[in-house]
PDB file of N, CA and C in Angstrom:
ATOM      1  N   UNK A   1      16.732 -10.827  26.041  1.00  0.00           N
ATOM      2  CA  UNK A   1      17.566 -10.325  24.970  1.00  0.00           C
ATOM      3  C   UNK A   1      16.951 -10.731  23.637  1.00  0.00           C
ATOM      4  N   UNK A   2      17.458 -10.170  22.580  1.00  0.00           N
ATOM      5  CA  UNK A   2      16.849 -10.339  21.258  1.00  0.00           C
ATOM      6  C   UNK A   2      17.359 -11.566  20.516  1.00  0.00           C
ATOM      7  N   UNK A   3      18.674 -11.753  20.451  1.00  0.00           N
ATOM      8  CA  UNK A   3      19.256 -12.848  19.670  1.00  0.00           C
ATOM      9  C   UNK A   3      19.519 -14.111  20.480  1.00  0.00           C
ATOM     10  N   UNK A   4      19.987 -13.946  21.709  1.00  0.00           N
ATOM     11  CA  UNK A   4      20.314 -15.094  22.553  1.00  0.00           C
ATOM     12  C   UNK A   4      19.569 -14.972  23.878  1.00  0.00           C
ATOM     13  N   UNK A   5      19.488 -16.057  24.608  1.00  0.00           N
ATOM     14  CA  UNK A   5      18.752 -16.080  25.876  1.00  0.00           C
ATOM     15  C   UNK A   5      19.486 -15.284  26.955  1.00  0.00           C
ATOM     16  N   UNK A   6      18.727 -14.795  27.919  1.00  0.00           N
ATOM     17  CA  UNK A   6      19.321 -14.094  29.049  1.00  0.00           C
ATOM     18  C   UNK A   6      20.281 -15.023  29.778  1.00  0.00           C
ATOM     19  N   UNK A   7      21.395 -14.478  30.213  1.00  0.00           N
ATOM     20  CA  UNK A   7      22.372 -15.269  30.950  1.00  0.00           C
ATOM     21  C   UNK A   7      23.377 -15.989  30.075  1.00  0.00           C
ATOM     22  N   UNK A   8      23.329 -15.793  28.768  1.00  0.00           N
ATOM     23  CA  UNK A   8      24.296 -16.433  27.875  1.00  0.00           C
ATOM     24  C   UNK A   8      25.670 -15.841  28.132  1.00  0.00           C
ATOM     25  N   UNK A   9      26.664 -16.707  28.311  1.00  0.00           N
ATOM     26  CA  UNK A   9      28.002 -16.254  28.649  1.00  0.00           C
ATOM     27  C   UNK A   9      28.979 -16.341  27.490  1.00  0.00           C
ATOM     28  N   UNK A  10      28.599 -17.049  26.422  1.00  0.00           N
ATOM     29  CA  UNK A  10      29.496 -17.214  25.276  1.00  0.00           C
ATOM     30  C   UNK A  10      28.661 -17.443  24.026  1.00  0.00           C
ATOM     31  N   UNK A  11      28.973 -16.676  22.983  1.00  0.00           N
ATOM     32  CA  UNK A  11      28.265 -16.851  21.717  1.00  0.00           C
ATOM     33  C   UNK A  11      29.148 -16.349  20.580  1.00  0.00           C
ATOM     34  N   UNK A  12      28.694 -16.558  19.367  1.00  0.00           N
ATOM     35  CA  UNK A  12      29.443 -16.124  18.202  1.00  0.00           C
ATOM     36  C   UNK A  12      28.764 -14.949  17.522  1.00  0.00           C
ATOM     37  N   UNK A  13      29.561 -14.017  17.028  1.00  0.00           N
ATOM     38  CA  UNK A  13      29.076 -12.890  16.241  1.00  0.00           C
ATOM     39  C   UNK A  13      29.312 -13.247  14.780  1.00  0.00           C
ATOM     40  N   UNK A  14      28.238 -13.284  14.001  1.00  0.00           N
ATOM     41  CA  UNK A  14      28.306 -13.734  12.613  1.00  0.00           C
ATOM     42  C   UNK A  14      27.884 -12.637  11.651  1.00  0.00           C
ATOM     43  N   UNK A  15      28.449 -12.681  10.445  1.00  0.00           N
ATOM     44  CA  UNK A  15      28.037 -11.819   9.349  1.00  0.00           C
ATOM     45  C   UNK A  15      27.745 -12.710   8.152  1.00  0.00           C
ATOM     46  N   UNK A  16      26.572 -12.530   7.565  1.00  0.00           N
ATOM     47  CA  UNK A  16      26.195 -13.307   6.389  1.00  0.00           C
ATOM     48  C   UNK A  16      26.777 -12.631   5.150  1.00  0.00           C
ATOM     49  N   UNK A  17      27.479 -13.389   4.340  1.00  0.00           N
ATOM     50  CA  UNK A  17      28.089 -12.849   3.126  1.00  0.00           C
ATOM     51  C   UNK A  17      27.056 -12.648   2.015  1.00  0.00           C
ATOM     52  N   UNK A  18      25.918 -13.326   2.094  1.00  0.00           N
ATOM     53  CA  UNK A  18      24.903 -13.200   1.053  1.00  0.00           C
ATOM     54  C   UNK A  18      23.993 -11.987   1.266  1.00  0.00           C
ATOM     55  N   UNK A  19      23.473 -11.825   2.485  1.00  0.00           N
ATOM     56  CA  UNK A  19      22.517 -10.735   2.730  1.00  0.00           C
ATOM     57  C   UNK A  19      23.078  -9.612   3.588  1.00  0.00           C
ATOM     58  N   UNK A  20      24.251  -9.809   4.181  1.00  0.00           N
ATOM     59  CA  UNK A  20      24.886  -8.767   4.977  1.00  0.00           C
ATOM     60  C   UNK A  20      24.377  -8.636   6.398  1.00  0.00           C
ATOM     61  N   UNK A  21      23.509  -9.528   6.845  1.00  0.00           N
ATOM     62  CA  UNK A  21      22.970  -9.464   8.203  1.00  0.00           C
ATOM     63  C   UNK A  21      24.046  -9.826   9.219  1.00  0.00           C
ATOM     64  N   UNK A  22      24.001  -9.158  10.368  1.00  0.00           N
ATOM     65  CA  UNK A  22      24.880  -9.487  11.492  1.00  0.00           C
ATOM     66  C   UNK A  22      23.997  -9.964  12.625  1.00  0.00           C
ATOM     67  N   UNK A  23      24.415 -11.035  13.285  1.00  0.00           N
ATOM     68  CA  UNK A  23      23.605 -11.615  14.353  1.00  0.00           C
ATOM     69  C   UNK A  23      24.474 -12.409  15.301  1.00  0.00           C
ATOM     70  N   UNK A  24      23.906 -12.706  16.462  1.00  0.00           N
ATOM     71  CA  UNK A  24      24.557 -13.554  17.461  1.00  0.00           C
ATOM     72  C   UNK A  24      23.916 -14.931  17.430  1.00  0.00           C
ATOM     73  N   UNK A  25      24.713 -15.937  17.747  1.00  0.00           N
ATOM     74  CA  UNK A  25      24.205 -17.293  17.804  1.00  0.00           C
ATOM     75  C   UNK A  25      25.006 -18.048  18.860  1.00  0.00           C
ATOM     76  N   UNK A  26      24.320 -18.891  19.641  1.00  0.00           N
ATOM     77  CA  UNK A  26      25.025 -19.667  20.669  1.00  0.00           C
ATOM     78  C   UNK A  26      25.890 -20.755  20.054  1.00  0.00           C
ATOM     79  N   UNK A  27      25.592 -21.128  18.832  1.00  0.00           N
ATOM     80  CA  UNK A  27      26.408 -22.113  18.128  1.00  0.00           C
ATOM     81  C   UNK A  27      27.685 -21.415  17.657  1.00  0.00           C
ATOM     82  N   UNK A  28      28.834 -21.992  17.953  1.00  0.00           N
ATOM     83  CA  UNK A  28      30.097 -21.396  17.543  1.00  0.00           C
ATOM     84  C   UNK A  28      30.785 -22.352  16.578  1.00  0.00           C
ATOM     85  N   UNK A  29      30.832 -21.932  15.312  1.00  0.00           N
ATOM     86  CA  UNK A  29      31.460 -22.705  14.248  1.00  0.00           C
ATOM     87  C   UNK A  29      31.993 -21.708  13.218  1.00  0.00           C
ATOM     88  N   UNK A  30      32.958 -22.108  12.394  1.00  0.00           N
ATOM     89  CA  UNK A  30      33.491 -21.169  11.399  1.00  0.00           C
ATOM     90  C   UNK A  30      32.421 -20.644  10.431  1.00  0.00           C
ATOM     91  N   UNK A  31      31.472 -21.489  10.045  1.00  0.00           N
ATOM     92  CA  UNK A  31      30.373 -21.089   9.155  1.00  0.00           C
ATOM     93  C   UNK A  31      29.090 -21.770   9.608  1.00  0.00           C
ATOM     94  N   UNK A  32      27.966 -21.033   9.544  1.00  0.00           N
ATOM     95  CA  UNK A  32      26.659 -21.596   9.854  1.00  0.00           C
ATOM     96  C   UNK A  32      25.649 -21.076   8.832  1.00  0.00           C
ATOM     97  N   UNK A  33      24.442 -21.620   8.883  1.00  0.00           N
ATOM     98  CA  UNK A  33      23.363 -21.151   8.015  1.00  0.00           C
ATOM     99  C   UNK A  33      22.859 -19.811   8.515  1.00  0.00           C
ATOM    100  N   UNK A  34      22.592 -18.903   7.602  1.00  0.00           N
ATOM    101  CA  UNK A  34      22.027 -17.603   7.974  1.00  0.00           C
ATOM    102  C   UNK A  34      20.549 -17.795   8.282  1.00  0.00           C
ATOM    103  N   UNK A  35      20.068 -17.329   9.434  1.00  0.00           N
ATOM    104  CA  UNK A  35      18.651 -17.499   9.766  1.00  0.00           C
ATOM    105  C   UNK A  35      17.736 -16.628   8.928  1.00  0.00           C
ATOM    106  N   UNK A  36      18.278 -15.651   8.220  1.00  0.00           N
ATOM    107  CA  UNK A  36      17.452 -14.739   7.431  1.00  0.00           C
ATOM    108  C   UNK A  36      17.359 -15.163   5.970  1.00  0.00           C
ATOM    109  N   UNK A  37      18.470 -15.313   5.289  1.00  0.00           N
ATOM    110  CA  UNK A  37      18.399 -15.670   3.869  1.00  0.00           C
ATOM    111  C   UNK A  37      18.338 -17.181   3.668  1.00  0.00           C
ATOM    112  N   UNK A  38      18.750 -17.971   4.646  1.00  0.00           N
ATOM    113  CA  UNK A  38      18.691 -19.428   4.518  1.00  0.00           C
ATOM    114  C   UNK A  38      17.273 -19.961   4.502  1.00  0.00           C
ATOM    115  N   UNK A  39      16.368 -19.340   5.290  1.00  0.00           N
ATOM    116  CA  UNK A  39      14.977 -19.782   5.332  1.00  0.00           C
ATOM    117  C   UNK A  39      14.255 -19.492   4.030  1.00  0.00           C
ATOM    118  N   UNK A  40      14.619 -18.413   3.355  1.00  0.00           N
ATOM    119  CA  UNK A  40      13.939 -18.014   2.137  1.00  0.00           C
ATOM    120  C   UNK A  40      14.314 -18.893   0.955  1.00  0.00           C
ATOM    121  N   UNK A  41      15.532 -19.436   0.954  1.00  0.00           N
ATOM    122  CA  UNK A  41      15.986 -20.199  -0.199  1.00  0.00           C
ATOM    123  C   UNK A  41      15.640 -21.687  -0.116  1.00  0.00           C
ATOM    124  N   UNK A  42      15.181 -22.158   1.031  1.00  0.00           N
ATOM    125  CA  UNK A  42      14.911 -23.578   1.204  1.00  0.00           C
ATOM    126  C   UNK A  42      13.422 -23.848   1.043  1.00  0.00           C
ATOM    127  N   UNK A  43      13.065 -24.687   0.075  1.00  0.00           N
ATOM    128  CA  UNK A  43      11.671 -25.017  -0.201  1.00  0.00           C
ATOM    129  C   UNK A  43      11.440 -26.488   0.140  1.00  0.00           C
ATOM    130  N   UNK A  44      10.568 -26.742   1.128  1.00  0.00           N
ATOM    131  CA  UNK A  44      10.322 -28.118   1.567  1.00  0.00           C
ATOM    132  C   UNK A  44       9.430 -28.886   0.593  1.00  0.00           C
ATOM    133  N   UNK A  45       8.715 -28.197  -0.263  1.00  0.00           N
ATOM    134  CA  UNK A  45       7.813 -28.866  -1.200  1.00  0.00           C
ATOM    135  C   UNK A  45       8.510 -29.045  -2.540  1.00  0.00           C
ATOM    136  N   UNK A  46       9.159 -30.184  -2.695  1.00  0.00           N
ATOM    137  CA  UNK A  46       9.812 -30.483  -3.956  1.00  0.00           C
ATOM    138  C   UNK A  46       9.105 -31.664  -4.610  1.00  0.00           C
ATOM    139  N   UNK A  47       9.118 -31.673  -5.896  1.00  0.00           N
ATOM    140  CA  UNK A  47       8.473 -32.742  -6.640  1.00  0.00           C
ATOM    141  C   UNK A  47       9.411 -33.908  -6.866  1.00  0.00           C
ATOM    142  N   UNK A  48       8.899 -35.003  -7.450  1.00  0.00           N
ATOM    143  CA  UNK A  48       9.740 -36.186  -7.658  1.00  0.00           C
ATOM    144  C   UNK A  48      10.858 -35.962  -8.671  1.00  0.00           C
ATOM    145  N   UNK A  49      10.694 -34.990  -9.571  1.00  0.00           N
ATOM    146  CA  UNK A  49      11.719 -34.732 -10.588  1.00  0.00           C
ATOM    147  C   UNK A  49      12.710 -33.657 -10.163  1.00  0.00           C
ATOM    148  N   UNK A  50      12.487 -33.043  -9.010  1.00  0.00           N
ATOM    149  CA  UNK A  50      13.356 -31.964  -8.555  1.00  0.00           C
ATOM    150  C   UNK A  50      14.410 -32.502  -7.589  1.00  0.00           C
ATOM    151  N   UNK A  51      15.526 -31.844  -7.574  1.00  0.00           N
ATOM    152  CA  UNK A  51      16.594 -32.229  -6.661  1.00  0.00           C
ATOM    153  C   UNK A  51      16.485 -31.433  -5.375  1.00  0.00           C
ATOM    154  N   UNK A  52      16.983 -32.011  -4.289  1.00  0.00           N
ATOM    155  CA  UNK A  52      17.025 -31.301  -3.016  1.00  0.00           C
ATOM    156  C   UNK A  52      17.968 -30.109  -3.158  1.00  0.00           C
ATOM    157  N   UNK A  53      17.540 -28.944  -2.704  1.00  0.00           N
ATOM    158  CA  UNK A  53      18.441 -27.786  -2.800  1.00  0.00           C
ATOM    159  C   UNK A  53      19.633 -27.952  -1.866  1.00  0.00           C
ATOM    160  N   UNK A  54      20.758 -27.439  -2.314  1.00  0.00           N
ATOM    161  CA  UNK A  54      21.965 -27.526  -1.512  1.00  0.00           C
ATOM    162  C   UNK A  54      21.940 -26.422  -0.461  1.00  0.00           C
ATOM    163  N   UNK A  55      22.190 -26.792   0.777  1.00  0.00           N
ATOM    164  CA  UNK A  55      22.211 -25.823   1.863  1.00  0.00           C
ATOM    165  C   UNK A  55      23.609 -25.229   1.928  1.00  0.00           C
ATOM    166  N   UNK A  56      23.680 -23.923   1.753  1.00  0.00           N
ATOM    167  CA  UNK A  56      24.957 -23.229   1.746  1.00  0.00           C
ATOM    168  C   UNK A  56      25.086 -22.442   3.048  1.00  0.00           C
ATOM    169  N   UNK A  57      26.176 -22.652   3.726  1.00  0.00           N
ATOM    170  CA  UNK A  57      26.420 -21.937   4.973  1.00  0.00           C
ATOM    171  C   UNK A  57      27.118 -20.625   4.631  1.00  0.00           C
ATOM    172  N   UNK A  58      26.341 -19.533   4.686  1.00  0.00           N
ATOM    173  CA  UNK A  58      26.846 -18.242   4.235  1.00  0.00           C
ATOM    174  C   UNK A  58      27.293 -17.324   5.363  1.00  0.00           C
ATOM    175  N   UNK A  59      26.924 -17.635   6.592  1.00  0.00           N
ATOM    176  CA  UNK A  59      27.293 -16.772   7.716  1.00  0.00           C
ATOM    177  C   UNK A  59      28.645 -17.211   8.277  1.00  0.00           C
ATOM    178  N   UNK A  60      29.571 -16.274   8.338  1.00  0.00           N
ATOM    179  CA  UNK A  60      30.917 -16.573   8.820  1.00  0.00           C
ATOM    180  C   UNK A  60      31.140 -15.947  10.198  1.00  0.00           C
ATOM    181  N   UNK A  61      31.862 -16.662  11.027  1.00  0.00           N
ATOM    182  CA  UNK A  61      32.169 -16.213  12.380  1.00  0.00           C
ATOM    183  C   UNK A  61      33.149 -15.044  12.331  1.00  0.00           C
ATOM    184  N   UNK A  62      32.760 -13.919  12.931  1.00  0.00           N
ATOM    185  CA  UNK A  62      33.632 -12.752  13.021  1.00  0.00           C
ATOM    186  C   UNK A  62      34.393 -12.745  14.338  1.00  0.00           C
ATOM    187  N   UNK A  63      33.680 -13.091  15.404  1.00  0.00           N
ATOM    188  CA  UNK A  63      34.274 -12.972  16.735  1.00  0.00           C
ATOM    189  C   UNK A  63      33.517 -13.852  17.717  1.00  0.00           C
ATOM    190  N   UNK A  64      34.213 -14.382  18.703  1.00  0.00           N
ATOM    191  CA  UNK A  64      33.579 -15.092  19.811  1.00  0.00           C
ATOM    192  C   UNK A  64      33.430 -14.081  20.939  1.00  0.00           C
ATOM    193  N   UNK A  65      32.183 -13.862  21.364  1.00  0.00           N
ATOM    194  CA  UNK A  65      31.898 -12.901  22.424  1.00  0.00           C
ATOM    195  C   UNK A  65      31.771 -13.681  23.727  1.00  0.00           C
ATOM    196  N   UNK A  66      32.587 -13.310  24.721  1.00  0.00           N
ATOM    197  CA  UNK A  66      32.581 -14.013  25.998  1.00  0.00           C
ATOM    198  C   UNK A  66      32.271 -13.051  27.125  1.00  0.00           C
ATOM    199  N   UNK A  67      31.627 -13.562  28.142  1.00  0.00           N
ATOM    200  CA  UNK A  67      31.245 -12.753  29.289  1.00  0.00           C
ATOM    201  C   UNK A  67      29.804 -12.298  29.170  1.00  0.00           C
ATOM    202  N   UNK A  68      29.042 -12.480  30.231  1.00  0.00           N
ATOM    203  CA  UNK A  68      27.616 -12.170  30.200  1.00  0.00           C
ATOM    204  C   UNK A  68      27.350 -10.706  29.853  1.00  0.00           C
ATOM    205  N   UNK A  69      28.165  -9.787  30.393  1.00  0.00           N
ATOM    206  CA  UNK A  69      27.972  -8.362  30.102  1.00  0.00           C
ATOM    207  C   UNK A  69      28.273  -8.036  28.644  1.00  0.00           C
ATOM    208  N   UNK A  70      29.328  -8.625  28.092  1.00  0.00           N
ATOM    209  CA  UNK A  70      29.671  -8.380  26.686  1.00  0.00           C
ATOM    210  C   UNK A  70      28.613  -8.938  25.747  1.00  0.00           C
ATOM    211  N   UNK A  71      28.113 -10.124  26.053  1.00  0.00           N
ATOM    212  CA  UNK A  71      27.063 -10.716  25.227  1.00  0.00           C
ATOM    213  C   UNK A  71      25.822  -9.828  25.251  1.00  0.00           C
ATOM    214  N   UNK A  72      25.454  -9.349  26.422  1.00  0.00           N
ATOM    215  CA  UNK A  72      24.281  -8.474  26.541  1.00  0.00           C
ATOM    216  C   UNK A  72      24.501  -7.167  25.773  1.00  0.00           C
ATOM    217  N   UNK A  73      25.694  -6.621  25.835  1.00  0.00           N
ATOM    218  CA  UNK A  73      26.008  -5.378  25.129  1.00  0.00           C
ATOM    219  C   UNK A  73      25.895  -5.567  23.614  1.00  0.00           C
ATOM    220  N   UNK A  74      26.501  -6.630  23.081  1.00  0.00           N
ATOM    221  CA  UNK A  74      26.426  -6.903  21.646  1.00  0.00           C
ATOM    222  C   UNK A  74      24.981  -7.151  21.217  1.00  0.00           C
ATOM    223  N   UNK A  75      24.238  -7.900  22.019  1.00  0.00           N
ATOM    224  CA  UNK A  75      22.844  -8.198  21.704  1.00  0.00           C
ATOM    225  C   UNK A  75      22.029  -6.915  21.611  1.00  0.00           C
ATOM    226  N   UNK A  76      22.238  -6.001  22.554  1.00  0.00           N
ATOM    227  CA  UNK A  76      21.510  -4.737  22.557  1.00  0.00           C
ATOM    228  C   UNK A  76      21.879  -3.895  21.347  1.00  0.00           C
ATOM    229  N   UNK A  77      23.167  -3.800  21.042  1.00  0.00           N
ATOM    230  CA  UNK A  77      23.593  -2.993  19.904  1.00  0.00           C
ATOM    231  C   UNK A  77      23.069  -3.531  18.582  1.00  0.00           C
ATOM    232  N   UNK A  78      23.137  -4.845  18.395  1.00  0.00           N
ATOM    233  CA  UNK A  78      22.647  -5.429  17.149  1.00  0.00           C
ATOM    234  C   UNK A  78      21.131  -5.333  17.038  1.00  0.00           C
ATOM    235  N   UNK A  79      20.425  -5.423  18.160  1.00  0.00           N
ATOM    236  CA  UNK A  79      18.962  -5.361  18.118  1.00  0.00           C
ATOM    237  C   UNK A  79      18.461  -3.952  17.821  1.00  0.00           C
ATOM    238  N   UNK A  80      19.278  -2.923  18.101  1.00  0.00           N
ATOM    239  CA  UNK A  80      18.874  -1.557  17.779  1.00  0.00           C
ATOM    240  C   UNK A  80      18.665  -1.376  16.280  1.00  0.00           C
ATOM    241  N   UNK A  81      19.447  -2.064  15.466  1.00  0.00           N
ATOM    242  CA  UNK A  81      19.279  -1.983  14.018  1.00  0.00           C
ATOM    243  C   UNK A  81      17.958  -2.602  13.583  1.00  0.00           C
ATOM    244  N   UNK A  82      17.523  -3.649  14.270  1.00  0.00           N
ATOM    245  CA  UNK A  82      16.277  -4.328  13.919  1.00  0.00           C
ATOM    246  C   UNK A  82      15.072  -3.555  14.452  1.00  0.00           C
ATOM    247  N   UNK A  83      15.152  -3.130  15.704  1.00  0.00           N
ATOM    248  CA  UNK A  83      13.992  -2.487  16.347  1.00  0.00           C
ATOM    249  C   UNK A  83      13.941  -0.986  16.111  1.00  0.00           C
ATOM    250  N   UNK A  84      15.009  -0.415  15.549  1.00  0.00           N
ATOM    251  CA  UNK A  84      15.029   1.017  15.309  1.00  0.00           C
ATOM    252  C   UNK A  84      15.125   1.830  16.592  1.00  0.00           C
ATOM    253  N   UNK A  85      15.676   1.241  17.636  1.00  0.00           N
ATOM    254  CA  UNK A  85      15.816   1.936  18.908  1.00  0.00           C
ATOM    255  C   UNK A  85      14.596   1.866  19.781  1.00  0.00           C
ATOM    256  N   UNK A  86      13.605   1.089  19.391  1.00  0.00           N
ATOM    257  CA  UNK A  86      12.379   0.946  20.164  1.00  0.00           C
ATOM    258  C   UNK A  86      12.590  -0.138  21.220  1.00  0.00           C
ATOM    259  N   UNK A  87      12.571   0.248  22.476  1.00  0.00           N
ATOM    260  CA  UNK A  87      12.788  -0.708  23.565  1.00  0.00           C
ATOM    261  C   UNK A  87      11.499  -1.321  24.071  1.00  0.00           C
ATOM    262  N   UNK A  88      10.373  -1.125  23.399  1.00  0.00           N
ATOM    263  CA  UNK A  88       9.097  -1.680  23.847  1.00  0.00           C
ATOM    264  C   UNK A  88       9.076  -3.201  23.805  1.00  0.00           C
ATOM    265  N   UNK A  89       9.929  -3.795  22.966  1.00  0.00           N
ATOM    266  CA  UNK A  89       9.941  -5.262  22.854  1.00  0.00           C
ATOM    267  C   UNK A  89      10.588  -5.914  24.059  1.00  0.00           C
ATOM    268  N   UNK A  90      11.335  -5.151  24.877  1.00  0.00           N
ATOM    269  CA  UNK A  90      12.022  -5.724  26.038  1.00  0.00           C
ATOM    270  C   UNK A  90      11.015  -6.071  27.115  1.00  0.00           C
TER     271      UNK A  90
END
């Protein structure tokens, strides 16, 4: 599968309020870091006069998806937006 490992029986469906991305994650919490816009805003090379950037959790939990078939269905539907319907990556 694209977002979660094969055989996953429970995961969270998230929507990022900053970039609008929708994704699945095995971590289930009310808010988590967006894997798409969170990586771009965090810079590991900071100087001595700079402050550590604040990590903002922008992805909010929309739904808890349960059941192996439902997780696989959501994963396939969400991955179609990324792959453009190309199943060659499977």
